[in-house]
Amino acid sequence: MLFNFFKGLEGFTGALVVGAFFLALLGTIGAGSMKAGREEIEVTGRIYVMGNEPFTQVAIQLDDGKIYALSGGYDKELRSLQGKRVAVNGKLSGKTPRGAEAIEVKSFQVLETK
């Protein structure tokens, strides 16, 4: 009788192991999709180059004085707009090694051409 009881548990423990594996797999896959997305931001200000050669970086200074370092694929274009008023769209990308908040530029629009 006791032997039959343990024999019946073989299927049950197998199902438990498979179920636990399935839940662990779903938890792992789901954890990646729960990652918080970076916040999209749109700012308007004047473009300038901060830092000293050879460690310069393009930045934007807003009307309230806040400064964001700009990163992404538009470095050359933005450098050529130094002193111009520009609207920048992008995602916050953390802080630079020097402590400035950074924006990964997705697009920009020149507001002042003179």
Protein backbone atom coordinates (compact mmCIF):
# COMPACT_ATOMS: atom_id res chain seq x y z
CA MET A 1 0.00 0.00 0.00
CA LEU A 2 2.77 2.44 0.93
CA PHE A 3 4.63 1.50 -2.27
CA ASN A 4 1.59 2.39 -4.37
CA PHE A 5 1.39 5.75 -2.61
CA PHE A 6 4.99 6.66 -3.62
CA LYS A 7 4.42 5.32 -7.12
CA GLY A 8 1.50 7.70 -7.49
CA LEU A 9 3.69 10.62 -6.38
CA GLU A 10 6.15 10.07 -9.26
CA GLY A 11 3.78 11.70 -11.73
CA PHE A 12 2.92 14.43 -9.25
CA THR A 13 6.56 15.37 -8.52
CA GLY A 14 7.36 15.31 -12.21
CA ALA A 15 4.49 17.71 -12.82
CA LEU A 16 5.72 19.90 -9.96
CA VAL A 17 9.24 20.05 -11.41
CA VAL A 18 7.95 20.90 -14.89
CA GLY A 19 5.58 23.51 -13.44
CA ALA A 20 8.34 25.11 -11.36
CA PHE A 21 10.63 25.23 -14.40
CA PHE A 22 7.86 26.82 -16.50
CA LEU A 23 7.17 29.48 -13.84
CA ALA A 24 10.88 30.27 -13.49
CA LEU A 25 11.15 30.63 -17.27
CA LEU A 26 8.16 32.97 -17.43
CA GLY A 27 9.54 35.03 -14.54
CA THR A 28 12.86 35.44 -16.30
CA ILE A 29 11.29 36.42 -19.61
CA GLY A 30 8.83 38.77 -17.93
CA ALA A 31 11.52 40.55 -15.94
CA GLY A 32 13.08 41.92 -19.13
CA SER A 33 9.81 43.35 -20.33
CA MET A 34 9.22 45.10 -17.01
CA LYS A 35 12.38 47.20 -17.40
CA ALA A 36 11.47 50.85 -17.12
CA GLY A 37 11.90 52.74 -20.37
CA ARG A 38 13.95 55.88 -20.46
CA GLU A 39 11.89 59.04 -20.31
CA GLU A 40 11.37 60.96 -23.55
CA ILE A 41 12.11 64.65 -23.28
CA GLU A 42 11.88 67.76 -25.46
CA VAL A 43 13.96 70.79 -24.54
CA THR A 44 14.62 74.17 -26.12
CA GLY A 45 17.75 76.23 -25.60
CA ARG A 46 21.10 77.36 -27.00
CA ILE A 47 23.71 74.91 -28.24
CA TYR A 48 27.25 75.24 -26.97
CA VAL A 49 30.36 73.13 -26.59
CA MET A 50 31.43 72.44 -23.01
CA GLY A 51 34.70 71.14 -21.64
CA ASN A 52 38.29 71.58 -22.75
CA GLU A 53 40.02 70.12 -25.80
CA PRO A 54 40.35 67.25 -26.48
CA PHE A 55 37.46 66.33 -24.14
CA THR A 56 34.66 68.56 -25.39
CA GLN A 57 30.99 67.69 -25.57
CA VAL A 58 28.00 69.32 -27.21
CA ALA A 59 25.41 70.60 -24.75
CA ILE A 60 22.25 72.65 -24.62
CA GLN A 61 21.53 75.34 -22.06
CA LEU A 62 17.85 75.95 -21.37
CA ASP A 63 16.34 79.37 -20.63
CA ASP A 64 16.21 78.51 -16.91
CA GLY A 65 19.98 77.77 -16.92
CA LYS A 66 19.73 73.95 -16.77
CA ILE A 67 22.34 72.21 -18.92
CA TYR A 68 22.04 68.87 -20.71
CA ALA A 69 24.92 67.11 -22.44
CA LEU A 70 23.86 65.84 -25.89
CA SER A 71 24.81 62.41 -27.22
CA GLY A 72 23.85 60.35 -30.24
CA GLY A 73 24.53 60.49 -33.93
CA TYR A 74 24.06 64.24 -34.46
CA ASP A 75 27.31 65.47 -32.88
CA LYS A 76 28.78 67.16 -35.98
CA GLU A 77 25.51 68.83 -36.96
CA LEU A 78 24.89 70.13 -33.45
CA ARG A 79 28.49 71.41 -33.09
CA SER A 80 27.98 73.50 -36.22
CA LEU A 81 24.93 75.10 -34.58
CA GLN A 82 26.88 76.51 -31.61
CA GLY A 83 25.13 79.64 -30.31
CA LYS A 84 21.87 78.88 -32.14
CA ARG A 85 18.50 78.28 -30.49
CA VAL A 86 17.42 74.66 -31.05
CA ALA A 87 14.61 72.33 -29.97
CA VAL A 88 15.93 68.84 -29.14
CA ASN A 89 13.89 65.62 -28.82
CA GLY A 90 15.41 62.54 -27.22
CA LYS A 91 15.62 60.26 -24.25
CA LEU A 92 17.26 60.87 -20.92
CA SER A 93 20.39 58.74 -20.80
CA GLY A 94 21.71 59.22 -17.29
CA LYS A 95 24.60 61.39 -16.23
CA THR A 96 27.95 62.05 -17.85
CA PRO A 97 31.15 61.31 -15.90
CA ARG A 98 31.27 65.01 -14.97
CA GLY A 99 27.74 64.89 -13.52
CA ALA A 100 25.70 66.62 -16.22
CA GLU A 101 22.36 65.06 -17.15
CA ALA A 102 22.52 63.69 -20.72
CA ILE A 103 20.01 63.40 -23.56
CA GLU A 104 20.39 60.90 -26.39
CA VAL A 105 19.23 63.03 -29.32
CA LYS A 106 16.64 61.47 -31.64
CA SER A 107 15.85 64.63 -33.59
CA PHE A 108 16.32 68.39 -33.45
CA GLN A 109 14.97 71.51 -35.08
CA VAL A 110 16.79 74.82 -35.53
CA LEU A 111 14.57 77.65 -34.26
CA GLU A 112 16.95 80.56 -34.94
CA THR A 113 19.14 80.73 -38.04
CA LYS A 114 21.08 83.97 -37.48
